[in-house]
Amino acid sequence: MNLEKGRLCLLYILSYFTDTSFLGLVNYDLKERRIIIVTGTPGVGKSAVSRALSKELKAEYIDLTEFVKKHGLIERYDEDRETSIVDEEKVCIRLQEFIEGLNAQNIVIDGHYGVFTVSPEKVYRVFVLRRHPAELREVLLARGYSDRKIAENLASEILDVCLIDAIKRCGRDKVCEIDVTGKDVGCVVKKMVENLSGRRPCEIGIVDWLGELEREGRLDEFLTF
């Protein structure tokens, strides 16, 4: 028995004792690792969507918020902005080390600053989740955010901050924008999977909250607290 046939035989036997499919094992080393980043303003539903996408893809899930806490990468807490400040360079280095130690084809990174923690050339796709400011405000109020923090996050969503960061960092070809307003997690994940499988093209510029709210005369309602 030659080496390759022996390898295939061993993989076939192993498949009976694991949840990993035989074909998946055989093809693993032939596939390019896919690092998928899910970003967006706090409150758009990144964590729920990222976990569901990870489950669908049988991917490794990395919650950046928990990752930086676990590895002691928080530099300080900004009292004015009510948020933790991290050293993005240190996060990038530690995350790269962590990813290199993983035995996973798909990796889903959940975090609004995720695009700054992975080298652009290693990113396969960036999904930017968008949510209408009216719906987003209700989510943030339910979380107990202060008026100041709500205003900051609403401004970020209205001004496309996460989308612009993703495009500048990773390039338009890798960025997909998804409007999650009024949609459940399953619907959003379905769109993501369709994109990753090549059945749905990426879209950018699908929402214009600034223009919409200006036309409706409601802009001050969301930017003044």
C-alpha atoms as a PDB file:
ATOM      1  CA  MET A   1       0.000   0.000   0.000  1.00  0.00           C
ATOM      2  CA  ASN A   2       1.503   3.361  -1.010  1.00  0.00           C
ATOM      3  CA  LEU A   3       1.682   6.345   1.337  1.00  0.00           C
ATOM      4  CA  GLU A   4      -1.294   8.228  -0.134  1.00  0.00           C
ATOM      5  CA  LYS A   5      -3.571   5.178  -0.079  1.00  0.00           C
ATOM      6  CA  GLY A   6      -2.493   4.511   3.500  1.00  0.00           C
ATOM      7  CA  ARG A   7      -3.344   8.084   4.455  1.00  0.00           C
ATOM      8  CA  LEU A   8      -6.805   7.868   2.904  1.00  0.00           C
ATOM      9  CA  CYS A   9      -7.442   4.566   4.630  1.00  0.00           C
ATOM     10  CA  LEU A  10      -6.444   6.039   7.992  1.00  0.00           C
ATOM     11  CA  LEU A  11      -8.690   9.061   7.465  1.00  0.00           C
ATOM     12  CA  TYR A  12     -11.578   6.802   6.538  1.00  0.00           C
ATOM     13  CA  ILE A  13     -11.136   4.816   9.752  1.00  0.00           C
ATOM     14  CA  LEU A  14     -10.853   7.984  11.842  1.00  0.00           C
ATOM     15  CA  SER A  15     -14.094   9.295  10.390  1.00  0.00           C
ATOM     16  CA  TYR A  16     -15.985   6.539  12.198  1.00  0.00           C
ATOM     17  CA  PHE A  17     -14.749   7.791  15.568  1.00  0.00           C
ATOM     18  CA  THR A  18     -15.253  11.515  15.088  1.00  0.00           C
ATOM     19  CA  ASP A  19     -17.958  13.926  14.002  1.00  0.00           C
ATOM     20  CA  THR A  20     -15.774  15.066  11.081  1.00  0.00           C
ATOM     21  CA  SER A  21     -16.784  13.789   7.667  1.00  0.00           C
ATOM     22  CA  PHE A  22     -14.377  11.635   5.691  1.00  0.00           C
ATOM     23  CA  LEU A  23     -14.499  13.968   2.703  1.00  0.00           C
ATOM     24  CA  GLY A  24     -13.877  16.965   4.919  1.00  0.00           C
ATOM     25  CA  LEU A  25     -10.743  15.356   6.343  1.00  0.00           C
ATOM     26  CA  VAL A  26      -9.419  14.365   2.948  1.00  0.00           C
ATOM     27  CA  ASN A  27      -9.893  17.840   1.503  1.00  0.00           C
ATOM     28  CA  TYR A  28      -8.857  19.847   4.552  1.00  0.00           C
ATOM     29  CA  ASP A  29      -5.259  20.491   3.492  1.00  0.00           C
ATOM     30  CA  LEU A  30      -6.394  21.413  -0.014  1.00  0.00           C
ATOM     31  CA  LYS A  31      -8.631  24.230   1.134  1.00  0.00           C
ATOM     32  CA  GLU A  32      -7.589  27.749   2.003  1.00  0.00           C
ATOM     33  CA  ARG A  33      -8.294  28.791   5.573  1.00  0.00           C
ATOM     34  CA  ARG A  34     -11.104  31.331   5.683  1.00  0.00           C
ATOM     35  CA  ILE A  35     -11.042  34.089   8.294  1.00  0.00           C
ATOM     36  CA  ILE A  36     -14.461  35.719   8.386  1.00  0.00           C
ATOM     37  CA  ILE A  37     -15.006  38.916  10.351  1.00  0.00           C
ATOM     38  CA  VAL A  38     -18.447  40.018  11.527  1.00  0.00           C
ATOM     39  CA  THR A  39     -18.455  43.702  12.419  1.00  0.00           C
ATOM     40  CA  GLY A  40     -20.920  46.509  12.998  1.00  0.00           C
ATOM     41  CA  THR A  41     -22.014  49.074  15.545  1.00  0.00           C
ATOM     42  CA  PRO A  42     -22.680  47.701  19.052  1.00  0.00           C
ATOM     43  CA  GLY A  43     -26.297  46.516  19.151  1.00  0.00           C
ATOM     44  CA  VAL A  44     -26.652  45.295  15.566  1.00  0.00           C
ATOM     45  CA  GLY A  45     -26.562  41.651  16.637  1.00  0.00           C
ATOM     46  CA  LYS A  46     -22.979  40.619  15.864  1.00  0.00           C
ATOM     47  CA  SER A  47     -22.638  38.032  18.614  1.00  0.00           C
ATOM     48  CA  ALA A  48     -25.877  36.155  17.935  1.00  0.00           C
ATOM     49  CA  VAL A  49     -25.217  36.130  14.195  1.00  0.00           C
ATOM     50  CA  SER A  50     -21.540  35.181  14.589  1.00  0.00           C
ATOM     51  CA  ARG A  51     -22.341  32.246  16.858  1.00  0.00           C
ATOM     52  CA  ALA A  52     -25.030  30.991  14.497  1.00  0.00           C
ATOM     53  CA  LEU A  53     -22.740  31.381  11.477  1.00  0.00           C
ATOM     54  CA  SER A  54     -19.958  29.528  13.292  1.00  0.00           C
ATOM     55  CA  LYS A  55     -22.317  26.670  14.049  1.00  0.00           C
ATOM     56  CA  GLU A  56     -23.517  26.535  10.443  1.00  0.00           C
ATOM     57  CA  LEU A  57     -19.952  26.466   9.088  1.00  0.00           C
ATOM     58  CA  LYS A  58     -18.598  24.278  11.914  1.00  0.00           C
ATOM     59  CA  ALA A  59     -16.119  27.105  12.402  1.00  0.00           C
ATOM     60  CA  GLU A  60     -13.987  28.299  15.290  1.00  0.00           C
ATOM     61  CA  TYR A  61     -15.741  31.238  16.973  1.00  0.00           C
ATOM     62  CA  ILE A  62     -13.702  34.086  18.483  1.00  0.00           C
ATOM     63  CA  ASP A  63     -15.462  36.755  20.541  1.00  0.00           C
ATOM     64  CA  LEU A  64     -12.974  39.642  20.572  1.00  0.00           C
ATOM     65  CA  THR A  65     -14.436  41.160  23.731  1.00  0.00           C
ATOM     66  CA  GLU A  66     -13.857  37.939  25.657  1.00  0.00           C
ATOM     67  CA  PHE A  67     -10.527  37.317  23.928  1.00  0.00           C
ATOM     68  CA  VAL A  68      -8.973  40.620  25.052  1.00  0.00           C
ATOM     69  CA  LYS A  69     -10.246  40.098  28.606  1.00  0.00           C
ATOM     70  CA  LYS A  70      -8.906  36.551  28.804  1.00  0.00           C
ATOM     71  CA  HIS A  71      -5.472  37.538  27.503  1.00  0.00           C
ATOM     72  CA  GLY A  72      -5.133  40.767  29.501  1.00  0.00           C
ATOM     73  CA  LEU A  73      -5.096  43.074  26.490  1.00  0.00           C
ATOM     74  CA  ILE A  74      -7.244  45.875  27.922  1.00  0.00           C
ATOM     75  CA  GLU A  75      -5.103  48.969  28.511  1.00  0.00           C
ATOM     76  CA  ARG A  76      -7.570  51.111  30.400  1.00  0.00           C
ATOM     77  CA  TYR A  77     -11.201  52.075  30.762  1.00  0.00           C
ATOM     78  CA  ASP A  78     -12.334  55.358  29.201  1.00  0.00           C
ATOM     79  CA  GLU A  79     -14.798  56.840  31.692  1.00  0.00           C
ATOM     80  CA  ASP A  80     -16.032  59.501  29.284  1.00  0.00           C
ATOM     81  CA  ARG A  81     -16.818  57.065  26.473  1.00  0.00           C
ATOM     82  CA  GLU A  82     -17.756  54.224  28.848  1.00  0.00           C
ATOM     83  CA  THR A  83     -15.662  51.726  26.946  1.00  0.00           C
ATOM     84  CA  SER A  84     -12.503  49.664  27.328  1.00  0.00           C
ATOM     85  CA  ILE A  85      -9.438  50.727  25.347  1.00  0.00           C
ATOM     86  CA  VAL A  86      -7.235  47.997  23.871  1.00  0.00           C
ATOM     87  CA  ASP A  87      -3.825  48.021  22.202  1.00  0.00           C
ATOM     88  CA  GLU A  88      -4.809  46.898  18.707  1.00  0.00           C
ATOM     89  CA  GLU A  89      -1.226  45.996  17.789  1.00  0.00           C
ATOM     90  CA  LYS A  90      -0.904  43.664  20.780  1.00  0.00           C
ATOM     91  CA  VAL A  91      -4.329  42.180  20.061  1.00  0.00           C
ATOM     92  CA  CYS A  92      -3.289  41.558  16.450  1.00  0.00           C
ATOM     93  CA  ILE A  93      -0.099  39.755  17.505  1.00  0.00           C
ATOM     94  CA  ARG A  94      -1.786  37.620  20.174  1.00  0.00           C
ATOM     95  CA  LEU A  95      -4.734  36.793  17.926  1.00  0.00           C
ATOM     96  CA  GLN A  96      -2.408  35.734  15.113  1.00  0.00           C
ATOM     97  CA  GLU A  97      -0.581  33.392  17.493  1.00  0.00           C
ATOM     98  CA  PHE A  98      -3.894  31.965  18.653  1.00  0.00           C
ATOM     99  CA  ILE A  99      -5.209  31.445  15.113  1.00  0.00           C
ATOM    100  CA  GLU A 100      -2.010  29.717  14.007  1.00  0.00           C
ATOM    101  CA  GLY A 101      -2.588  27.136  16.719  1.00  0.00           C
ATOM    102  CA  LEU A 102      -6.103  26.306  15.553  1.00  0.00           C
ATOM    103  CA  ASN A 103      -6.992  23.277  13.463  1.00  0.00           C
ATOM    104  CA  ALA A 104      -9.961  24.853  11.701  1.00  0.00           C
ATOM    105  CA  GLN A 105     -10.678  25.712   8.109  1.00  0.00           C
ATOM    106  CA  ASN A 106     -13.213  28.437   8.972  1.00  0.00           C
ATOM    107  CA  ILE A 107     -12.703  31.035  11.697  1.00  0.00           C
ATOM    108  CA  VAL A 108     -15.375  33.596  12.603  1.00  0.00           C
ATOM    109  CA  ILE A 109     -14.216  36.709  14.464  1.00  0.00           C
ATOM    110  CA  ASP A 110     -16.899  38.754  16.222  1.00  0.00           C
ATOM    111  CA  GLY A 111     -16.105  42.365  17.072  1.00  0.00           C
ATOM    112  CA  HIS A 112     -16.670  45.937  15.924  1.00  0.00           C
ATOM    113  CA  TYR A 113     -12.904  46.510  15.650  1.00  0.00           C
ATOM    114  CA  GLY A 114     -12.229  43.075  14.175  1.00  0.00           C
ATOM    115  CA  VAL A 115     -10.880  44.439  10.890  1.00  0.00           C
ATOM    116  CA  PHE A 116      -7.954  45.994  12.768  1.00  0.00           C
ATOM    117  CA  THR A 117      -6.875  42.749  14.437  1.00  0.00           C
ATOM    118  CA  VAL A 118      -6.105  40.612  11.374  1.00  0.00           C
ATOM    119  CA  SER A 119      -3.776  41.351   8.464  1.00  0.00           C
ATOM    120  CA  PRO A 120      -5.986  42.353   5.490  1.00  0.00           C
ATOM    121  CA  GLU A 121      -4.415  39.752   3.191  1.00  0.00           C
ATOM    122  CA  LYS A 122      -5.484  36.989   5.588  1.00  0.00           C
ATOM    123  CA  VAL A 123      -9.122  38.105   5.707  1.00  0.00           C
ATOM    124  CA  TYR A 124     -11.481  36.137   3.481  1.00  0.00           C
ATOM    125  CA  ARG A 125     -14.679  38.104   4.074  1.00  0.00           C
ATOM    126  CA  VAL A 126     -15.959  40.968   6.226  1.00  0.00           C
ATOM    127  CA  PHE A 127     -19.681  41.082   6.945  1.00  0.00           C
ATOM    128  CA  VAL A 128     -20.818  44.518   8.121  1.00  0.00           C
ATOM    129  CA  LEU A 129     -24.189  44.294   9.862  1.00  0.00           C
ATOM    130  CA  ARG A 130     -26.436  47.369   9.655  1.00  0.00           C
ATOM    131  CA  ARG A 131     -29.520  48.214  11.698  1.00  0.00           C
ATOM    132  CA  HIS A 132     -31.931  51.120  11.333  1.00  0.00           C
ATOM    133  CA  PRO A 133     -31.171  53.733  14.019  1.00  0.00           C
ATOM    134  CA  ALA A 134     -34.711  53.556  15.423  1.00  0.00           C
ATOM    135  CA  GLU A 135     -34.392  49.816  16.015  1.00  0.00           C
ATOM    136  CA  LEU A 136     -30.799  50.153  17.187  1.00  0.00           C
ATOM    137  CA  ARG A 137     -31.774  52.793  19.745  1.00  0.00           C
ATOM    138  CA  GLU A 138     -34.309  50.421  21.300  1.00  0.00           C
ATOM    139  CA  VAL A 139     -31.667  47.710  21.604  1.00  0.00           C
ATOM    140  CA  LEU A 140     -29.202  50.062  23.283  1.00  0.00           C
ATOM    141  CA  LEU A 141     -31.856  51.427  25.646  1.00  0.00           C
ATOM    142  CA  ALA A 142     -32.725  47.861  26.653  1.00  0.00           C
ATOM    143  CA  ARG A 143     -29.048  47.278  27.449  1.00  0.00           C
ATOM    144  CA  GLY A 144     -29.098  50.209  29.834  1.00  0.00           C
ATOM    145  CA  TYR A 145     -26.601  52.338  27.929  1.00  0.00           C
ATOM    146  CA  SER A 146     -26.286  55.967  28.976  1.00  0.00           C
ATOM    147  CA  ASP A 147     -27.671  58.689  26.714  1.00  0.00           C
ATOM    148  CA  ARG A 148     -24.141  59.703  25.782  1.00  0.00           C
ATOM    149  CA  LYS A 149     -23.115  56.184  24.798  1.00  0.00           C
ATOM    150  CA  ILE A 150     -26.327  55.666  22.830  1.00  0.00           C
ATOM    151  CA  ALA A 151     -25.741  58.916  20.938  1.00  0.00           C
ATOM    152  CA  GLU A 152     -22.170  57.890  20.090  1.00  0.00           C
ATOM    153  CA  ASN A 153     -23.241  54.508  18.747  1.00  0.00           C
ATOM    154  CA  LEU A 154     -26.179  55.923  16.791  1.00  0.00           C
ATOM    155  CA  ALA A 155     -23.860  58.478  15.201  1.00  0.00           C
ATOM    156  CA  SER A 156     -21.461  55.679  14.288  1.00  0.00           C
ATOM    157  CA  GLU A 157     -24.244  53.720  12.598  1.00  0.00           C
ATOM    158  CA  ILE A 158     -25.687  56.743  10.787  1.00  0.00           C
ATOM    159  CA  LEU A 159     -22.244  57.801   9.507  1.00  0.00           C
ATOM    160  CA  ASP A 160     -21.280  54.290   8.280  1.00  0.00           C
ATOM    161  CA  VAL A 161     -18.182  54.161  10.496  1.00  0.00           C
ATOM    162  CA  CYS A 162     -17.803  50.362  10.596  1.00  0.00           C
ATOM    163  CA  LEU A 163     -18.449  50.042   6.865  1.00  0.00           C
ATOM    164  CA  ILE A 164     -15.870  52.709   6.014  1.00  0.00           C
ATOM    165  CA  ASP A 165     -13.305  51.112   8.346  1.00  0.00           C
ATOM    166  CA  ALA A 166     -13.858  47.702   6.741  1.00  0.00           C
ATOM    167  CA  ILE A 167     -13.454  49.020   3.193  1.00  0.00           C
ATOM    168  CA  LYS A 168     -10.371  51.095   4.022  1.00  0.00           C
ATOM    169  CA  ARG A 169      -8.717  48.224   5.862  1.00  0.00           C
ATOM    170  CA  CYS A 170      -9.641  45.190   3.752  1.00  0.00           C
ATOM    171  CA  GLY A 171     -10.785  46.568   0.390  1.00  0.00           C
ATOM    172  CA  ARG A 172     -14.223  46.646  -1.230  1.00  0.00           C
ATOM    173  CA  ASP A 173     -13.898  43.172  -2.754  1.00  0.00           C
ATOM    174  CA  LYS A 174     -13.875  41.508   0.662  1.00  0.00           C
ATOM    175  CA  VAL A 175     -16.695  43.505   2.264  1.00  0.00           C
ATOM    176  CA  CYS A 176     -20.392  42.586   2.345  1.00  0.00           C
ATOM    177  CA  GLU A 177     -23.013  44.820   3.926  1.00  0.00           C
ATOM    178  CA  ILE A 178     -26.159  43.209   5.356  1.00  0.00           C
ATOM    179  CA  ASP A 179     -29.196  45.105   6.648  1.00  0.00           C
ATOM    180  CA  VAL A 180     -30.464  43.153   9.663  1.00  0.00           C
ATOM    181  CA  THR A 181     -33.359  45.520  10.436  1.00  0.00           C
ATOM    182  CA  GLY A 182     -36.454  43.472  11.244  1.00  0.00           C
ATOM    183  CA  LYS A 183     -34.732  40.193  10.344  1.00  0.00           C
ATOM    184  CA  ASP A 184     -34.114  37.168  12.521  1.00  0.00           C
ATOM    185  CA  VAL A 185     -30.718  35.554  12.955  1.00  0.00           C
ATOM    186  CA  GLY A 186     -31.522  32.633  10.669  1.00  0.00           C
ATOM    187  CA  CYS A 187     -32.365  34.935   7.775  1.00  0.00           C
ATOM    188  CA  VAL A 188     -29.120  36.870   8.183  1.00  0.00           C
ATOM    189  CA  VAL A 189     -26.981  33.733   8.421  1.00  0.00           C
ATOM    190  CA  LYS A 190     -28.674  32.305   5.326  1.00  0.00           C
ATOM    191  CA  LYS A 191     -27.537  35.350   3.341  1.00  0.00           C
ATOM    192  CA  MET A 192     -24.013  34.978   4.670  1.00  0.00           C
ATOM    193  CA  VAL A 193     -23.790  31.308   3.762  1.00  0.00           C
ATOM    194  CA  GLU A 194     -25.158  32.017   0.295  1.00  0.00           C
ATOM    195  CA  ASN A 195     -22.454  34.624  -0.181  1.00  0.00           C
ATOM    196  CA  LEU A 196     -19.678  32.375   1.078  1.00  0.00           C
ATOM    197  CA  SER A 197     -20.821  29.607  -1.259  1.00  0.00           C
ATOM    198  CA  GLY A 198     -20.858  31.961  -4.245  1.00  0.00           C
ATOM    199  CA  ARG A 199     -24.633  32.029  -4.667  1.00  0.00           C
ATOM    200  CA  ARG A 200     -25.092  35.643  -3.553  1.00  0.00           C
ATOM    201  CA  PRO A 201     -22.822  38.567  -4.480  1.00  0.00           C
ATOM    202  CA  CYS A 202     -21.533  41.061  -1.937  1.00  0.00           C
ATOM    203  CA  GLU A 203     -23.419  44.345  -1.691  1.00  0.00           C
ATOM    204  CA  ILE A 204     -22.184  47.718  -0.451  1.00  0.00           C
ATOM    205  CA  GLY A 205     -24.235  50.891  -0.088  1.00  0.00           C
ATOM    206  CA  ILE A 206     -27.519  49.130   0.614  1.00  0.00           C
ATOM    207  CA  VAL A 207     -28.510  51.611   3.329  1.00  0.00           C
ATOM    208  CA  ASP A 208     -28.261  55.385   3.672  1.00  0.00           C
ATOM    209  CA  TRP A 209     -29.450  56.201   7.169  1.00  0.00           C
ATOM    210  CA  LEU A 210     -28.108  59.753   6.976  1.00  0.00           C
ATOM    211  CA  GLY A 211     -29.970  60.586   3.793  1.00  0.00           C
ATOM    212  CA  GLU A 212     -33.128  58.794   4.909  1.00  0.00           C
ATOM    213  CA  LEU A 213     -33.304  60.567   8.266  1.00  0.00           C
ATOM    214  CA  GLU A 214     -32.530  63.940   6.699  1.00  0.00           C
ATOM    215  CA  ARG A 215     -35.350  63.503   4.192  1.00  0.00           C
ATOM    216  CA  GLU A 216     -37.709  62.565   7.012  1.00  0.00           C
ATOM    217  CA  GLY A 217     -36.553  65.493   9.153  1.00  0.00           C
ATOM    218  CA  ARG A 218     -35.600  63.094  11.966  1.00  0.00           C
ATOM    219  CA  LEU A 219     -31.819  63.399  12.086  1.00  0.00           C
ATOM    220  CA  ASP A 220     -31.730  65.487  15.280  1.00  0.00           C
ATOM    221  CA  GLU A 221     -33.939  62.900  16.961  1.00  0.00           C
ATOM    222  CA  PHE A 222     -31.097  60.382  16.807  1.00  0.00           C
ATOM    223  CA  LEU A 223     -28.072  62.617  17.236  1.00  0.00           C
ATOM    224  CA  THR A 224     -29.268  64.749  20.159  1.00  0.00           C
ATOM    225  CA  PHE A 225     -29.558  63.339  23.679  1.00  0.00           C
END
